[in-house]
Amino acid sequence: MSVTRHVLLRGRVHGVGFRAFVEYAALDQGLEGWVRNRRDGSVEAVFAGPAAAVAQMVDACRAGPPGARVDALDEREGSIADLKPRRPGERFSVLPTA
């Protein structure tokens, strides 16, 4: 069963390699989606794929890379439309800050 999840992470998530961590882990799990910094200091991401792999990815985001501190993770159900910001031809994109 395939699912899509939209997550928003707050804490010390900028300047610690969070986007690269998410991109590497998502591609390693075979997921589709994207990640980007937000001007308010948070990180936003969308993951799509097998339910177990998406759940594992969300759990990985709770910990983050070394140097990160995740104070809050808001998660909601996503849709195929949430994948639209991805760059054409990419399975998983690191997008510009929004």
Foldseek 3Di string as FASTA:
>chain_A
DKFKKKKKWDFQQPPQCQQVQLVVLLVVLVWAWEKEAEPVRIIIIMTMDDPVSVVVSLVCSCVTDPPTHTPDMDMDTDDPVRRVVADPPDRYYYDYYD
